[in-house]
Each structure stands twice: as C-alpha cells, then as structure tokens.
Amino acid sequence: MTSPLFPGGVAVSGLQVYDGETQGGHGGGSPHLHTVSSEGYVVTAGSGEVHTITTAGRAIHPLDPGEVVWFSPGTVHRLVNHGGLELVVVMQNAGLPEAGDAVLTFPSAVLDDPDAYAAAATLPAEGTEDERAAAARGRRDLALRGYTELLAALEERGPAALTELHERAVRLVQPKVEHWQRLWSATVEAETARTREALARLADGMPGLMAEAAVRRGERHDGPRGFGMCGRLQTWEWPAPPLR
C-alpha cells in the first residue's frame, strides 16, 4: 500500500509573522521569491499585508482573518505585520521549498556571489534562541536592503529590473535542480500518475485507488517554532518519498 501524501502534493505550515520593527516602521518578513512553486496564505489571526512584485507591477494585498491569497513562481513577496498576523501557509511541490526553492532579495553583489549568498541566507543550526533570532533579523534586514534597491531599479528601468532578478535567481538555484527533479518525480508527478490510473480504472468500472484507502497523521515537530524567512514556523513531519 502506498502511503498517501498530503492532498495535492502540497505542504502546510503555521506561520506567526515576525513583529520586530523594520525599516518603514512595521514588523514583517524577508522579501523573497520561489522559482518553481506557488504559495498560498490562509489568514487565521491578526492583520497585515503582503506586498508583491510581478511583471504586472507592484501591489499591496490586505490580510485579515478569512482572507485567502496565493501567487505563482517568480512573484517577489514581502509580509508586513500590523499586529498578531498568523497564517496557514500552503506550499506547492512539498519538499522543493525545503530543498532551496526560495531566493531572497539580497543586494545584487550578494546575489551574484553564490558563496556570499549561501552565507547570508543560512541561519546557524545551533545557538540560543536569542542568537538565532538575531541571525534571522540580520538576514531579513539584508533582504530588505536588496528589496529597496529593487524598488529603485523598477522605478528607473521598469520590468527589466525584475527580469534581472529572475536571471540571478536561476543562476543561484541551477545546481540544485537535478535533485529537485528527482524529488518532484517521486511526489507530485507520481501522485498525478496515480490519479490518471485511478480515473482510467473508474472509467472501466473498477474501484481503482479506493482499495488502497489509508489515513496518515502529520507528526508535529516539537520544541520552539523554527525561524523561517517570514516568521516563526510550526511544521510537521511528512512521509519521505523513495528517490529514484
């Protein structure tokens, strides 16, 4: 029997958006983009905004309890916390974001140096809560510096500035793509193939996947919430796929 993935091959996490004041006077997260995965927010508490940049331009989307917002790969996004903002985050392609499908909007000089980028993006695995929190704030502040540069470049050169950021993102993630392809094939692609087979069996009057009915419970990671790009994260352990 195949262990079922979370529906749609997605992953969910609980996010308490950072509330420490940043430039501009509001708490919030590190602006970044994803290269192949879409992301969705379900607002459960508090209020705030998500600021986005796409080829269509800049936008501000209010976030209040009950709001649902999602965006596709390449969208630069920045969460702003007006007070107590909490979200359920739904990420496409479970496993790929955890394997590095995110690029922070650091200044161009950092984005153009893979070693400098890795050093700036990686939080220490050990240390006190205060030390890790300080490192997360430093990462966010550096991403905000690059975000400010991006906004100025957009004013000066328009969509070409976003295209240049996308090109820099490609160069940073390209060494990881082979691993991502294997991971995606073992999860999302495999689930799609199972659905295709189930539909074919149903068309022939057969139960298909129903004979393999199963239930899974996500194992909650204990201890303090992790330090994510946009806030403190509650995550769960998902089934690990066999990689070919």
Protein backbone atom coordinates (compact mmCIF):
# COMPACT_ATOMS: atom_id res chain seq x y z
CA MET A 1 0.00 0.00 0.00
CA THR A 2 1.30 3.46 -0.94
CA SER A 3 1.45 5.96 1.91
CA PRO A 4 -0.70 8.94 0.85
CA LEU A 5 0.85 12.36 0.55
CA PHE A 6 -0.91 15.45 1.83
CA PRO A 7 -3.61 16.30 -0.77
CA GLY A 8 -2.24 17.71 -3.97
CA GLY A 9 1.38 17.01 -3.05
CA VAL A 10 1.48 20.26 -1.06
CA ALA A 11 2.80 21.03 2.41
CA VAL A 12 1.27 23.24 5.09
CA SER A 13 2.84 25.15 7.96
CA GLY A 14 1.65 27.55 10.63
CA LEU A 15 3.29 30.98 10.47
CA GLN A 16 3.48 33.70 13.10
CA VAL A 17 4.80 36.66 11.09
CA TYR A 18 7.77 38.47 12.61
CA ASP A 19 6.70 41.52 14.59
CA GLY A 20 10.07 43.18 15.24
CA GLU A 21 10.14 46.65 13.70
CA THR A 22 11.89 47.02 10.35
CA GLN A 23 12.63 49.93 8.08
CA GLY A 24 9.27 51.53 7.33
CA GLY A 25 8.13 51.07 10.92
CA HIS A 26 6.29 47.72 10.67
CA GLY A 27 7.23 44.19 11.58
CA GLY A 28 7.41 41.67 8.77
CA GLY A 29 9.32 39.05 6.89
CA SER A 30 12.17 38.79 4.41
CA PRO A 31 11.16 39.60 0.83
CA HIS A 32 11.89 36.69 -1.50
CA LEU A 33 10.59 34.66 -4.44
CA HIS A 34 10.17 31.00 -5.35
CA THR A 35 11.44 29.72 -8.69
CA VAL A 36 9.03 26.83 -9.39
CA SER A 37 6.50 26.64 -6.54
CA SER A 38 3.29 28.59 -5.98
CA GLU A 39 2.40 29.68 -2.44
CA GLY A 40 -0.89 30.40 -0.71
CA TYR A 41 -1.90 32.11 2.52
CA VAL A 42 -4.96 31.45 4.66
CA VAL A 43 -5.14 34.20 7.29
CA THR A 44 -6.17 32.91 10.71
CA ALA A 45 -5.45 35.85 13.04
CA GLY A 46 -4.30 39.46 13.22
CA SER A 47 -3.89 41.83 10.32
CA GLY A 48 -1.27 42.91 7.83
CA GLU A 49 -0.41 42.99 4.16
CA VAL A 50 1.55 41.09 1.56
CA HIS A 51 3.45 43.32 -0.85
CA THR A 52 4.08 41.74 -4.25
CA ILE A 53 6.05 42.49 -7.40
CA THR A 54 5.29 40.77 -10.70
CA THR A 55 5.66 41.75 -14.35
CA ALA A 56 2.27 43.46 -13.92
CA GLY A 57 3.82 45.79 -11.33
CA ARG A 58 3.69 46.34 -7.58
CA ALA A 59 0.64 45.60 -5.43
CA ILE A 60 -0.42 45.57 -1.78
CA HIS A 61 -2.91 42.90 -0.65
CA PRO A 62 -4.61 43.42 2.77
CA LEU A 63 -4.58 40.38 5.05
CA ASP A 64 -7.32 39.86 7.64
CA PRO A 65 -8.80 36.68 9.15
CA GLY A 66 -10.55 34.62 6.49
CA GLU A 67 -8.62 36.12 3.56
CA VAL A 68 -7.02 33.71 1.08
CA VAL A 69 -4.24 34.93 -1.23
CA TRP A 70 -1.91 32.94 -3.46
CA PHE A 71 0.73 33.70 -6.07
CA SER A 72 2.79 31.92 -8.68
CA PRO A 73 6.56 31.38 -9.07
CA GLY A 74 8.66 34.48 -9.67
CA THR A 75 6.45 36.72 -7.54
CA VAL A 76 8.53 38.79 -5.13
CA HIS A 77 6.58 38.89 -1.87
CA ARG A 78 7.02 40.57 1.49
CA LEU A 79 4.75 40.09 4.52
CA VAL A 80 4.04 43.13 6.70
CA ASN A 81 2.62 42.58 10.19
CA HIS A 82 0.22 45.21 11.55
CA GLY A 83 -0.44 43.16 14.68
CA GLY A 84 -0.71 39.47 15.58
CA LEU A 85 -0.63 38.28 11.94
CA GLU A 86 -0.84 34.48 11.69
CA LEU A 87 -1.27 32.36 8.57
CA VAL A 88 -1.60 28.82 7.39
CA VAL A 89 0.89 28.64 4.52
CA VAL A 90 0.23 26.19 1.68
CA MET A 91 3.26 25.43 -0.48
CA GLN A 92 3.13 23.68 -3.83
CA ASN A 93 5.63 20.90 -4.52
CA ALA A 94 6.16 19.71 -0.95
CA GLY A 95 9.86 19.19 -0.40
CA LEU A 96 11.14 21.60 -3.04
CA PRO A 97 10.89 24.78 -0.93
CA GLU A 98 12.59 22.90 1.92
CA ALA A 99 15.31 21.90 -0.57
CA GLY A 100 16.01 25.51 -1.51
CA ASP A 101 13.26 26.77 -3.83
CA ALA A 102 13.45 30.32 -2.49
CA VAL A 103 15.71 33.25 -3.34
CA LEU A 104 15.93 36.22 -1.01
CA THR A 105 16.16 39.73 -2.43
CA PHE A 106 19.65 40.42 -1.15
CA PRO A 107 21.67 43.24 -2.78
CA SER A 108 22.93 42.44 -6.27
CA ALA A 109 26.53 41.94 -5.14
CA VAL A 110 25.39 39.14 -2.80
CA LEU A 111 23.09 37.54 -5.38
CA ASP A 112 25.98 37.42 -7.86
CA ASP A 113 28.26 35.52 -5.44
CA PRO A 114 26.93 32.02 -4.60
CA ASP A 115 29.20 31.67 -1.57
CA ALA A 116 28.21 35.07 -0.18
CA TYR A 117 24.55 34.28 -0.84
CA ALA A 118 24.75 30.93 0.98
CA ALA A 119 26.49 32.54 3.95
CA ALA A 120 23.87 35.30 4.18
CA ALA A 121 20.86 33.01 3.68
CA THR A 122 21.80 30.21 6.07
CA LEU A 123 20.91 30.56 9.74
CA PRO A 124 23.12 28.89 12.36
CA ALA A 125 21.95 25.37 13.21
CA GLU A 126 22.89 25.83 16.85
CA GLY A 127 22.90 28.63 19.38
CA THR A 128 20.47 30.20 21.80
CA GLU A 129 17.02 31.41 20.78
CA ASP A 130 18.26 34.99 21.05
CA GLU A 131 21.27 34.28 18.83
CA ARG A 132 19.15 32.57 16.18
CA ALA A 133 16.57 35.36 16.35
CA ALA A 134 19.31 37.95 15.82
CA ALA A 135 20.60 36.00 12.80
CA ALA A 136 17.07 35.86 11.34
CA ARG A 137 16.70 39.62 11.81
CA GLY A 138 20.06 40.20 10.12
CA ARG A 139 19.01 38.07 7.15
CA ARG A 140 15.71 39.94 6.88
CA ASP A 141 17.39 43.34 7.07
CA LEU A 142 19.84 42.39 4.32
CA ALA A 143 16.95 41.19 2.13
CA LEU A 144 15.16 44.49 2.78
CA ARG A 145 18.26 46.40 1.65
CA GLY A 146 18.21 44.50 -1.62
CA TYR A 147 14.43 44.96 -1.86
CA THR A 148 14.91 48.73 -1.60
CA GLU A 149 17.48 48.51 -4.41
CA LEU A 150 14.99 46.51 -6.48
CA LEU A 151 12.24 49.10 -5.98
CA ALA A 152 14.60 51.86 -7.12
CA ALA A 153 15.63 49.81 -10.17
CA LEU A 154 11.97 49.19 -11.04
CA GLU A 155 11.31 52.92 -10.93
CA GLU A 156 14.28 53.55 -13.20
CA ARG A 157 14.13 50.64 -15.65
CA GLY A 158 10.71 49.05 -15.26
CA PRO A 159 10.13 45.28 -15.70
CA ALA A 160 13.72 44.75 -16.89
CA ALA A 161 14.82 45.03 -13.25
CA LEU A 162 12.57 42.12 -12.27
CA THR A 163 13.84 40.09 -15.23
CA GLU A 164 17.40 40.62 -13.99
CA LEU A 165 16.42 39.38 -10.52
CA HIS A 166 14.84 36.27 -12.07
CA GLU A 167 18.05 35.63 -14.03
CA ARG A 168 20.12 35.93 -10.86
CA ALA A 169 17.75 33.53 -9.12
CA VAL A 170 18.19 30.98 -11.91
CA ARG A 171 21.96 31.06 -11.56
CA LEU A 172 21.71 30.51 -7.81
CA VAL A 173 19.34 27.53 -7.91
CA GLN A 174 20.53 25.78 -11.09
CA PRO A 175 22.95 23.44 -9.23
CA LYS A 176 20.01 22.16 -7.14
CA VAL A 177 17.61 21.43 -9.99
CA GLU A 178 18.67 17.84 -10.67
CA HIS A 179 17.83 16.93 -7.06
CA TRP A 180 14.56 18.85 -7.30
CA GLN A 181 13.59 16.91 -10.43
CA ARG A 182 14.09 13.59 -8.65
CA LEU A 183 12.14 14.78 -5.63
CA TRP A 184 9.27 16.12 -7.72
CA SER A 185 9.10 12.92 -9.80
CA ALA A 186 8.80 10.84 -6.62
CA THR A 187 5.99 13.00 -5.21
CA VAL A 188 3.87 15.31 -7.35
CA GLU A 189 4.45 13.53 -10.67
CA ALA A 190 3.86 10.12 -9.04
CA GLU A 191 0.60 11.35 -7.47
CA THR A 192 -0.57 12.72 -10.82
CA ALA A 193 0.15 9.35 -12.45
CA ARG A 194 -1.81 7.58 -9.69
CA THR A 195 -4.80 9.84 -10.31
CA ARG A 196 -4.60 9.23 -14.05
CA GLU A 197 -4.59 5.48 -13.40
CA ALA A 198 -7.48 5.75 -10.95
CA LEU A 199 -9.59 7.66 -13.48
CA ALA A 200 -8.86 5.03 -16.12
CA ARG A 201 -9.97 2.26 -13.73
CA LEU A 202 -13.13 4.14 -12.79
CA ALA A 203 -13.95 4.55 -16.48
CA ASP A 204 -13.67 0.74 -16.74
CA GLY A 205 -15.99 0.28 -13.74
CA MET A 206 -13.24 -0.68 -11.27
CA PRO A 207 -12.64 0.73 -7.75
CA GLY A 208 -9.11 1.85 -8.56
CA LEU A 209 -7.30 3.52 -5.67
CA MET A 210 -10.18 3.04 -3.24
CA ALA A 211 -8.86 -0.41 -2.42
CA GLU A 212 -5.73 1.29 -1.04
CA ALA A 213 -7.60 3.67 1.29
CA ALA A 214 -5.37 4.87 4.14
CA VAL A 215 -5.09 7.62 6.76
CA ARG A 216 -1.97 9.50 7.84
CA ARG A 217 -1.33 11.95 10.63
CA GLY A 218 1.43 14.54 10.31
CA GLU A 219 3.86 14.37 13.21
CA ARG A 220 4.26 17.82 14.70
CA HIS A 221 7.84 18.97 15.25
CA ASP A 222 8.27 19.56 18.96
CA GLY A 223 10.10 22.41 20.60
CA PRO A 224 10.16 26.11 19.75
CA ARG A 225 8.91 27.21 16.36
CA GLY A 226 11.59 27.44 13.70
CA PHE A 227 12.92 30.68 12.24
CA GLY A 228 11.52 30.99 8.72
CA MET A 229 12.00 33.73 6.18
CA CYS A 230 8.79 35.48 7.16
CA GLY A 231 8.24 34.45 10.79
CA ARG A 232 8.20 31.65 13.35
CA LEU A 233 7.14 28.38 11.75
CA GLN A 234 5.21 25.41 13.09
CA THR A 235 5.96 22.47 10.81
CA TRP A 236 5.08 18.79 10.61
CA GLU A 237 6.97 15.70 9.52
CA TRP A 238 5.77 14.46 6.13
CA PRO A 239 6.29 10.99 4.58
CA ALA A 240 9.66 10.82 2.85
CA PRO A 241 9.36 9.61 -0.78
CA PRO A 242 11.74 6.98 -2.19
CA LEU A 243 14.01 8.79 -4.66
CA ARG A 244 14.97 7.03 -7.85
